[in-house]
Amino acid sequence: MNPERLTLISTSFIVLSGLSLLAGWYFIRVRRDIVRHRRLMLSASGFAGLFLVAYVTRWSLFGSKPFAGTGAWRTFYFANLVPHILLAIALGPMAIRLIYLALRKQDFAAHKRLARITLPVWLYVAASGWLIYFMLYKAF
């Protein structure tokens, strides 16, 4: 398997994770459907886990791909890459804590408070991951 194909697979997983998050948010905030919310949020977590496996596999086999753009595009790329990486690192523990709080079913107030922070971070990581993929493999 070539690195671009594996990268497309991993990027697809993180995009599916983001779409699952949005659907899960919709089902809890608009429809008040806890069962669908739980299923979608666990799906989002599963897709994020699959992303991580595919990403680490690609990185282990092929290493990093340098960005080919120059000038303002290079600045734009790194302005997205740096917060993407930092927030992705923070996201793991946040998501684990969020799932723990939800499955424990004792402190939904804490779950809700953390979710209000975690959701936009997770969505940013998913969207910026797609942008980074596009800039690395399609635009330049």
N, C-alpha and C. Protein backbone atom coordinates (compact mmCIF):
# COMPACT_ATOMS: atom_id res chain seq x y z
N MET A 1 0.86 -1.18 0.00
CA MET A 1 0.00 0.00 0.00
C MET A 1 0.89 1.24 0.00
N ASN A 2 0.55 2.21 -0.81
CA ASN A 2 1.38 3.41 -0.87
C ASN A 2 0.99 4.40 0.23
N PRO A 3 1.90 5.32 0.56
CA PRO A 3 1.64 6.23 1.68
C PRO A 3 0.43 7.15 1.44
N GLU A 4 0.21 7.56 0.20
CA GLU A 4 -0.91 8.46 -0.05
C GLU A 4 -2.25 7.76 0.21
N ARG A 5 -2.34 6.50 -0.19
CA ARG A 5 -3.58 5.75 0.04
C ARG A 5 -3.83 5.55 1.53
N LEU A 6 -2.80 5.19 2.26
CA LEU A 6 -2.93 4.99 3.71
C LEU A 6 -3.29 6.31 4.40
N THR A 7 -2.73 7.40 3.91
CA THR A 7 -3.06 8.71 4.46
C THR A 7 -4.51 9.07 4.17
N LEU A 8 -4.99 8.75 2.98
CA LEU A 8 -6.39 9.00 2.65
C LEU A 8 -7.31 8.19 3.56
N ILE A 9 -6.94 6.97 3.84
CA ILE A 9 -7.73 6.13 4.74
C ILE A 9 -7.77 6.73 6.14
N SER A 10 -6.61 7.12 6.66
CA SER A 10 -6.58 7.69 8.01
C SER A 10 -7.35 9.00 8.06
N THR A 11 -7.21 9.83 7.04
CA THR A 11 -7.94 11.10 7.00
C THR A 11 -9.44 10.86 6.91
N SER A 12 -9.83 9.86 6.17
CA SER A 12 -11.26 9.52 6.08
C SER A 12 -11.80 9.13 7.45
N PHE A 13 -11.02 8.40 8.22
CA PHE A 13 -11.47 8.01 9.56
C PHE A 13 -11.68 9.24 10.45
N ILE A 14 -10.79 10.21 10.39
CA ILE A 14 -10.95 11.38 11.26
C ILE A 14 -12.11 12.24 10.80
N VAL A 15 -12.34 12.29 9.49
CA VAL A 15 -13.51 13.03 8.98
C VAL A 15 -14.79 12.32 9.41
N LEU A 16 -14.84 11.00 9.32
CA LEU A 16 -16.00 10.24 9.80
C LEU A 16 -16.21 10.45 11.30
N SER A 17 -15.12 10.57 12.03
CA SER A 17 -15.22 10.86 13.45
C SER A 17 -15.90 12.21 13.67
N GLY A 18 -15.48 13.22 12.91
CA GLY A 18 -16.09 14.54 13.04
C GLY A 18 -17.56 14.55 12.66
N LEU A 19 -17.90 13.84 11.59
CA LEU A 19 -19.31 13.76 11.18
C LEU A 19 -20.15 13.04 12.23
N SER A 20 -19.60 12.00 12.83
CA SER A 20 -20.30 11.29 13.91
C SER A 20 -20.50 12.21 15.11
N LEU A 21 -19.50 13.03 15.40
CA LEU A 21 -19.64 13.99 16.50
C LEU A 21 -20.79 14.95 16.25
N LEU A 22 -20.84 15.50 15.04
CA LEU A 22 -21.91 16.44 14.72
C LEU A 22 -23.28 15.78 14.83
N ALA A 23 -23.39 14.57 14.31
CA ALA A 23 -24.67 13.85 14.40
C ALA A 23 -25.00 13.55 15.86
N GLY A 24 -24.02 13.14 16.65
CA GLY A 24 -24.25 12.88 18.07
C GLY A 24 -24.68 14.12 18.82
N TRP A 25 -24.07 15.24 18.49
CA TRP A 25 -24.47 16.52 19.10
C TRP A 25 -25.93 16.82 18.74
N TYR A 26 -26.27 16.64 17.48
CA TYR A 26 -27.65 16.88 17.03
C TYR A 26 -28.64 16.03 17.82
N PHE A 27 -28.33 14.75 17.97
CA PHE A 27 -29.28 13.85 18.63
C PHE A 27 -29.43 14.12 20.12
N ILE A 28 -28.43 14.70 20.77
CA ILE A 28 -28.60 15.02 22.18
C ILE A 28 -29.20 16.41 22.38
N ARG A 29 -28.77 17.38 21.58
CA ARG A 29 -29.21 18.77 21.78
C ARG A 29 -30.58 19.05 21.15
N VAL A 30 -30.85 18.48 20.00
CA VAL A 30 -32.10 18.78 19.29
C VAL A 30 -33.15 17.72 19.54
N ARG A 31 -32.77 16.47 19.43
CA ARG A 31 -33.75 15.37 19.53
C ARG A 31 -33.85 14.79 20.94
N ARG A 32 -32.87 15.08 21.79
CA ARG A 32 -32.83 14.52 23.16
C ARG A 32 -32.85 12.99 23.16
N ASP A 33 -32.20 12.41 22.16
CA ASP A 33 -32.16 10.96 21.99
C ASP A 33 -30.82 10.46 22.54
N ILE A 34 -30.84 10.04 23.78
CA ILE A 34 -29.61 9.63 24.47
C ILE A 34 -29.00 8.38 23.83
N VAL A 35 -29.83 7.44 23.42
CA VAL A 35 -29.31 6.19 22.86
C VAL A 35 -28.54 6.46 21.56
N ARG A 36 -29.13 7.22 20.65
CA ARG A 36 -28.42 7.54 19.39
C ARG A 36 -27.20 8.41 19.65
N HIS A 37 -27.32 9.34 20.60
CA HIS A 37 -26.18 10.18 20.97
C HIS A 37 -25.01 9.29 21.43
N ARG A 38 -25.29 8.38 22.32
CA ARG A 38 -24.24 7.50 22.85
C ARG A 38 -23.61 6.67 21.73
N ARG A 39 -24.44 6.10 20.87
CA ARG A 39 -23.92 5.27 19.77
C ARG A 39 -23.04 6.10 18.84
N LEU A 40 -23.49 7.29 18.50
CA LEU A 40 -22.72 8.14 17.58
C LEU A 40 -21.41 8.62 18.21
N MET A 41 -21.46 8.95 19.49
CA MET A 41 -20.23 9.42 20.14
C MET A 41 -19.23 8.27 20.31
N LEU A 42 -19.72 7.08 20.58
CA LEU A 42 -18.81 5.93 20.64
C LEU A 42 -18.29 5.60 19.24
N SER A 43 -19.12 5.79 18.23
CA SER A 43 -18.65 5.62 16.85
C SER A 43 -17.56 6.64 16.52
N ALA A 44 -17.77 7.88 16.94
CA ALA A 44 -16.77 8.92 16.72
C ALA A 44 -15.45 8.53 17.38
N SER A 45 -15.53 7.98 18.57
CA SER A 45 -14.32 7.54 19.28
C SER A 45 -13.66 6.37 18.56
N GLY A 46 -14.48 5.46 18.06
CA GLY A 46 -13.94 4.32 17.31
C GLY A 46 -13.25 4.77 16.03
N PHE A 47 -13.87 5.70 15.30
CA PHE A 47 -13.24 6.23 14.09
C PHE A 47 -11.93 6.95 14.43
N ALA A 48 -11.92 7.68 15.54
CA ALA A 48 -10.69 8.36 15.94
C ALA A 48 -9.60 7.35 16.28
N GLY A 49 -9.99 6.25 16.92
CA GLY A 49 -9.02 5.19 17.20
C GLY A 49 -8.49 4.55 15.93
N LEU A 50 -9.37 4.31 14.96
CA LEU A 50 -8.93 3.76 13.67
C LEU A 50 -8.01 4.74 12.94
N PHE A 51 -8.33 6.04 13.04
CA PHE A 51 -7.44 7.05 12.48
C PHE A 51 -6.05 6.91 13.08
N LEU A 52 -5.98 6.82 14.40
CA LEU A 52 -4.68 6.76 15.07
C LEU A 52 -3.89 5.54 14.64
N VAL A 53 -4.54 4.41 14.53
CA VAL A 53 -3.86 3.19 14.07
C VAL A 53 -3.33 3.36 12.65
N ALA A 54 -4.18 3.87 11.75
CA ALA A 54 -3.75 4.07 10.36
C ALA A 54 -2.65 5.12 10.25
N TYR A 55 -2.76 6.19 11.03
CA TYR A 55 -1.76 7.25 10.99
C TYR A 55 -0.40 6.75 11.48
N VAL A 56 -0.41 6.07 12.62
CA VAL A 56 0.85 5.55 13.18
C VAL A 56 1.46 4.51 12.24
N THR A 57 0.62 3.69 11.63
CA THR A 57 1.11 2.70 10.66
C THR A 57 1.78 3.39 9.48
N ARG A 58 1.10 4.39 8.92
CA ARG A 58 1.68 5.12 7.79
C ARG A 58 2.98 5.81 8.18
N TRP A 59 2.98 6.45 9.32
CA TRP A 59 4.17 7.16 9.77
C TRP A 59 5.32 6.17 10.03
N SER A 60 5.02 5.02 10.61
CA SER A 60 6.05 4.01 10.89
C SER A 60 6.65 3.44 9.61
N LEU A 61 5.80 3.23 8.60
CA LEU A 61 6.27 2.64 7.35
C LEU A 61 6.94 3.64 6.42
N PHE A 62 6.43 4.87 6.39
CA PHE A 62 6.87 5.82 5.36
C PHE A 62 7.44 7.13 5.89
N GLY A 63 7.33 7.38 7.19
CA GLY A 63 7.83 8.63 7.75
C GLY A 63 6.92 9.80 7.41
N SER A 64 7.43 11.00 7.64
CA SER A 64 6.66 12.22 7.40
C SER A 64 6.83 12.70 5.97
N LYS A 65 5.83 13.36 5.47
CA LYS A 65 5.91 13.97 4.15
C LYS A 65 6.14 15.46 4.35
N PRO A 66 7.21 15.99 3.79
CA PRO A 66 7.46 17.43 3.94
C PRO A 66 6.48 18.25 3.11
N PHE A 67 6.14 19.41 3.60
CA PHE A 67 5.23 20.30 2.88
C PHE A 67 5.97 20.94 1.71
N ALA A 68 5.38 20.89 0.53
CA ALA A 68 6.05 21.37 -0.69
C ALA A 68 5.75 22.84 -1.00
N GLY A 69 4.78 23.43 -0.32
CA GLY A 69 4.44 24.82 -0.61
C GLY A 69 5.47 25.79 -0.07
N THR A 70 5.41 27.01 -0.56
CA THR A 70 6.36 28.05 -0.14
C THR A 70 5.60 29.33 0.21
N GLY A 71 6.33 30.28 0.76
CA GLY A 71 5.79 31.61 1.03
C GLY A 71 4.61 31.60 1.98
N ALA A 72 3.57 32.34 1.59
CA ALA A 72 2.39 32.47 2.44
C ALA A 72 1.69 31.13 2.65
N TRP A 73 1.74 30.25 1.64
CA TRP A 73 1.14 28.93 1.80
C TRP A 73 1.83 28.13 2.90
N ARG A 74 3.14 28.25 2.98
CA ARG A 74 3.90 27.55 4.03
C ARG A 74 3.51 28.07 5.41
N THR A 75 3.39 29.38 5.51
CA THR A 75 2.97 29.99 6.78
C THR A 75 1.57 29.51 7.15
N PHE A 76 0.66 29.52 6.19
CA PHE A 76 -0.71 29.06 6.41
C PHE A 76 -0.73 27.59 6.85
N TYR A 77 0.07 26.78 6.19
CA TYR A 77 0.14 25.35 6.52
C TYR A 77 0.58 25.15 7.97
N PHE A 78 1.68 25.79 8.36
CA PHE A 78 2.18 25.60 9.72
C PHE A 78 1.28 26.27 10.76
N ALA A 79 0.61 27.34 10.38
CA ALA A 79 -0.34 27.98 11.29
C ALA A 79 -1.52 27.06 11.60
N ASN A 80 -1.79 26.13 10.72
CA ASN A 80 -2.83 25.11 10.97
C ASN A 80 -2.26 23.85 11.59
N LEU A 81 -1.06 23.47 11.17
CA LEU A 81 -0.46 22.23 11.67
C LEU A 81 -0.13 22.29 13.16
N VAL A 82 0.45 23.39 13.61
CA VAL A 82 0.89 23.47 15.01
C VAL A 82 -0.30 23.35 15.98
N PRO A 83 -1.37 24.16 15.84
CA PRO A 83 -2.49 23.95 16.77
C PRO A 83 -3.18 22.61 16.57
N HIS A 84 -3.18 22.09 15.33
CA HIS A 84 -3.75 20.77 15.10
C HIS A 84 -3.04 19.72 15.95
N ILE A 85 -1.72 19.73 15.93
CA ILE A 85 -0.95 18.75 16.70
C ILE A 85 -1.16 18.94 18.19
N LEU A 86 -1.06 20.16 18.67
CA LEU A 86 -1.19 20.42 20.11
C LEU A 86 -2.59 20.05 20.62
N LEU A 87 -3.61 20.41 19.86
CA LEU A 87 -4.97 20.08 20.29
C LEU A 87 -5.25 18.58 20.16
N ALA A 88 -4.66 17.94 19.16
CA ALA A 88 -4.84 16.48 19.02
C ALA A 88 -4.22 15.75 20.21
N ILE A 89 -3.10 16.23 20.69
CA ILE A 89 -2.46 15.63 21.87
C ILE A 89 -3.35 15.80 23.10
N ALA A 90 -3.92 16.98 23.26
CA ALA A 90 -4.79 17.25 24.41
C ALA A 90 -6.12 16.49 24.30
N LEU A 91 -6.55 16.24 23.09
CA LEU A 91 -7.86 15.64 22.86
C LEU A 91 -7.97 14.22 23.41
N GLY A 92 -6.93 13.44 23.31
CA GLY A 92 -6.98 12.06 23.78
C GLY A 92 -7.45 11.94 25.22
N PRO A 93 -6.75 12.58 26.17
CA PRO A 93 -7.21 12.51 27.57
C PRO A 93 -8.59 13.12 27.79
N MET A 94 -8.90 14.19 27.05
CA MET A 94 -10.22 14.80 27.19
C MET A 94 -11.31 13.82 26.78
N ALA A 95 -11.11 13.15 25.66
CA ALA A 95 -12.12 12.20 25.16
C ALA A 95 -12.26 11.01 26.10
N ILE A 96 -11.15 10.52 26.60
CA ILE A 96 -11.22 9.38 27.53
C ILE A 96 -11.99 9.76 28.79
N ARG A 97 -11.71 10.94 29.31
CA ARG A 97 -12.42 11.42 30.51
C ARG A 97 -13.92 11.60 30.20
N LEU A 98 -14.22 12.13 29.05
CA LEU A 98 -15.61 12.37 28.65
C LEU A 98 -16.38 11.05 28.56
N ILE A 99 -15.76 10.06 27.94
CA ILE A 99 -16.40 8.74 27.82
C ILE A 99 -16.58 8.12 29.20
N TYR A 100 -15.56 8.24 30.04
CA TYR A 100 -15.64 7.72 31.40
C TYR A 100 -16.83 8.33 32.15
N LEU A 101 -16.95 9.65 32.08
CA LEU A 101 -18.04 10.33 32.77
C LEU A 101 -19.40 9.88 32.24
N ALA A 102 -19.49 9.70 30.93
CA ALA A 102 -20.77 9.29 30.33
C ALA A 102 -21.13 7.86 30.71
N LEU A 103 -20.18 6.96 30.64
CA LEU A 103 -20.47 5.56 30.92
C LEU A 103 -20.71 5.31 32.41
N ARG A 104 -20.12 6.15 33.24
CA ARG A 104 -20.32 6.02 34.68
C ARG A 104 -21.73 6.40 35.10
N LYS A 105 -22.36 7.27 34.34
CA LYS A 105 -23.76 7.69 34.53
C LYS A 105 -24.03 8.28 35.92
N GLN A 106 -23.03 8.95 36.49
CA GLN A 106 -23.24 9.54 37.80
C GLN A 106 -23.12 11.06 37.78
N ASP A 107 -22.31 11.59 36.89
CA ASP A 107 -22.05 13.03 36.91
C ASP A 107 -22.20 13.61 35.50
N PHE A 108 -23.46 13.67 35.05
CA PHE A 108 -23.69 14.19 33.70
C PHE A 108 -23.39 15.68 33.61
N ALA A 109 -23.45 16.39 34.73
CA ALA A 109 -23.11 17.82 34.70
C ALA A 109 -21.63 17.99 34.33
N ALA A 110 -20.77 17.16 34.89
CA ALA A 110 -19.34 17.22 34.55
C ALA A 110 -19.12 16.79 33.11
N HIS A 111 -19.85 15.78 32.67
CA HIS A 111 -19.77 15.32 31.28
C HIS A 111 -20.16 16.46 30.33
N LYS A 112 -21.23 17.13 30.64
CA LYS A 112 -21.72 18.23 29.80
C LYS A 112 -20.72 19.39 29.76
N ARG A 113 -20.15 19.74 30.92
CA ARG A 113 -19.16 20.83 30.96
C ARG A 113 -17.94 20.49 30.11
N LEU A 114 -17.43 19.28 30.24
CA LEU A 114 -16.25 18.88 29.48
C LEU A 114 -16.59 18.74 27.99
N ALA A 115 -17.78 18.28 27.68
CA ALA A 115 -18.19 18.12 26.28
C ALA A 115 -18.23 19.46 25.56
N ARG A 116 -18.61 20.51 26.27
CA ARG A 116 -18.66 21.85 25.65
C ARG A 116 -17.28 22.35 25.24
N ILE A 117 -16.25 21.82 25.86
CA ILE A 117 -14.88 22.16 25.48
C ILE A 117 -14.35 21.16 24.45
N THR A 118 -14.63 19.89 24.70
CA THR A 118 -14.08 18.82 23.87
C THR A 118 -14.64 18.83 22.45
N LEU A 119 -15.94 19.05 22.30
CA LEU A 119 -16.56 19.00 20.98
C LEU A 119 -15.90 19.97 19.99
N PRO A 120 -15.78 21.26 20.31
CA PRO A 120 -15.14 22.15 19.33
C PRO A 120 -13.67 21.81 19.08
N VAL A 121 -12.97 21.34 20.09
CA VAL A 121 -11.57 20.93 19.90
C VAL A 121 -11.51 19.76 18.94
N TRP A 122 -12.34 18.76 19.17
CA TRP A 122 -12.37 17.56 18.33
C TRP A 122 -12.74 17.91 16.89
N LEU A 123 -13.74 18.78 16.73
CA LEU A 123 -14.15 19.19 15.38
C LEU A 123 -13.03 19.96 14.68
N TYR A 124 -12.32 20.81 15.42
CA TYR A 124 -11.20 21.53 14.82
C TYR A 124 -10.11 20.55 14.37
N VAL A 125 -9.80 19.59 15.23
CA VAL A 125 -8.78 18.60 14.89
C VAL A 125 -9.19 17.81 13.64
N ALA A 126 -10.46 17.43 13.56
CA ALA A 126 -10.93 16.68 12.39
C ALA A 126 -10.86 17.54 11.13
N ALA A 127 -11.35 18.76 11.21
CA ALA A 127 -11.36 19.63 10.03
C ALA A 127 -9.95 20.04 9.62
N SER A 128 -9.11 20.37 10.58
CA SER A 128 -7.75 20.77 10.23
C SER A 128 -6.95 19.57 9.73
N GLY A 129 -7.28 18.37 10.19
CA GLY A 129 -6.64 17.17 9.67
C GLY A 129 -6.92 16.99 8.19
N TRP A 130 -8.18 17.23 7.81
CA TRP A 130 -8.52 17.16 6.39
C TRP A 130 -7.78 18.23 5.60
N LEU A 131 -7.72 19.45 6.14
CA LEU A 131 -7.02 20.54 5.46
C LEU A 131 -5.54 20.22 5.29
N ILE A 132 -4.93 19.68 6.30
CA ILE A 132 -3.51 19.33 6.23
C ILE A 132 -3.29 18.24 5.19
N TYR A 133 -4.15 17.23 5.18
CA TYR A 133 -4.07 16.20 4.15
C TYR A 133 -4.17 16.83 2.76
N PHE A 134 -5.15 17.69 2.56
CA PHE A 134 -5.36 18.32 1.26
C PHE A 134 -4.12 19.11 0.83
N MET A 135 -3.56 19.86 1.76
CA MET A 135 -2.40 20.69 1.42
C MET A 135 -1.16 19.84 1.14
N LEU A 136 -1.01 18.74 1.86
CA LEU A 136 0.16 17.88 1.65
C LEU A 136 0.07 17.03 0.38
N TYR A 137 -1.11 16.51 0.10
CA TYR A 137 -1.23 15.49 -0.96
C TYR A 137 -1.96 15.95 -2.21
N LYS A 138 -2.72 17.03 -2.14
CA LYS A 138 -3.50 17.42 -3.30
C LYS A 138 -3.14 18.80 -3.85
N ALA A 139 -2.90 19.75 -2.98
CA ALA A 139 -2.72 21.13 -3.42
C ALA A 139 -1.32 21.41 -3.96
N PHE A 140 -0.31 20.75 -3.40
CA PHE A 140 1.08 21.09 -3.79
C PHE A 140 1.82 19.86 -4.27
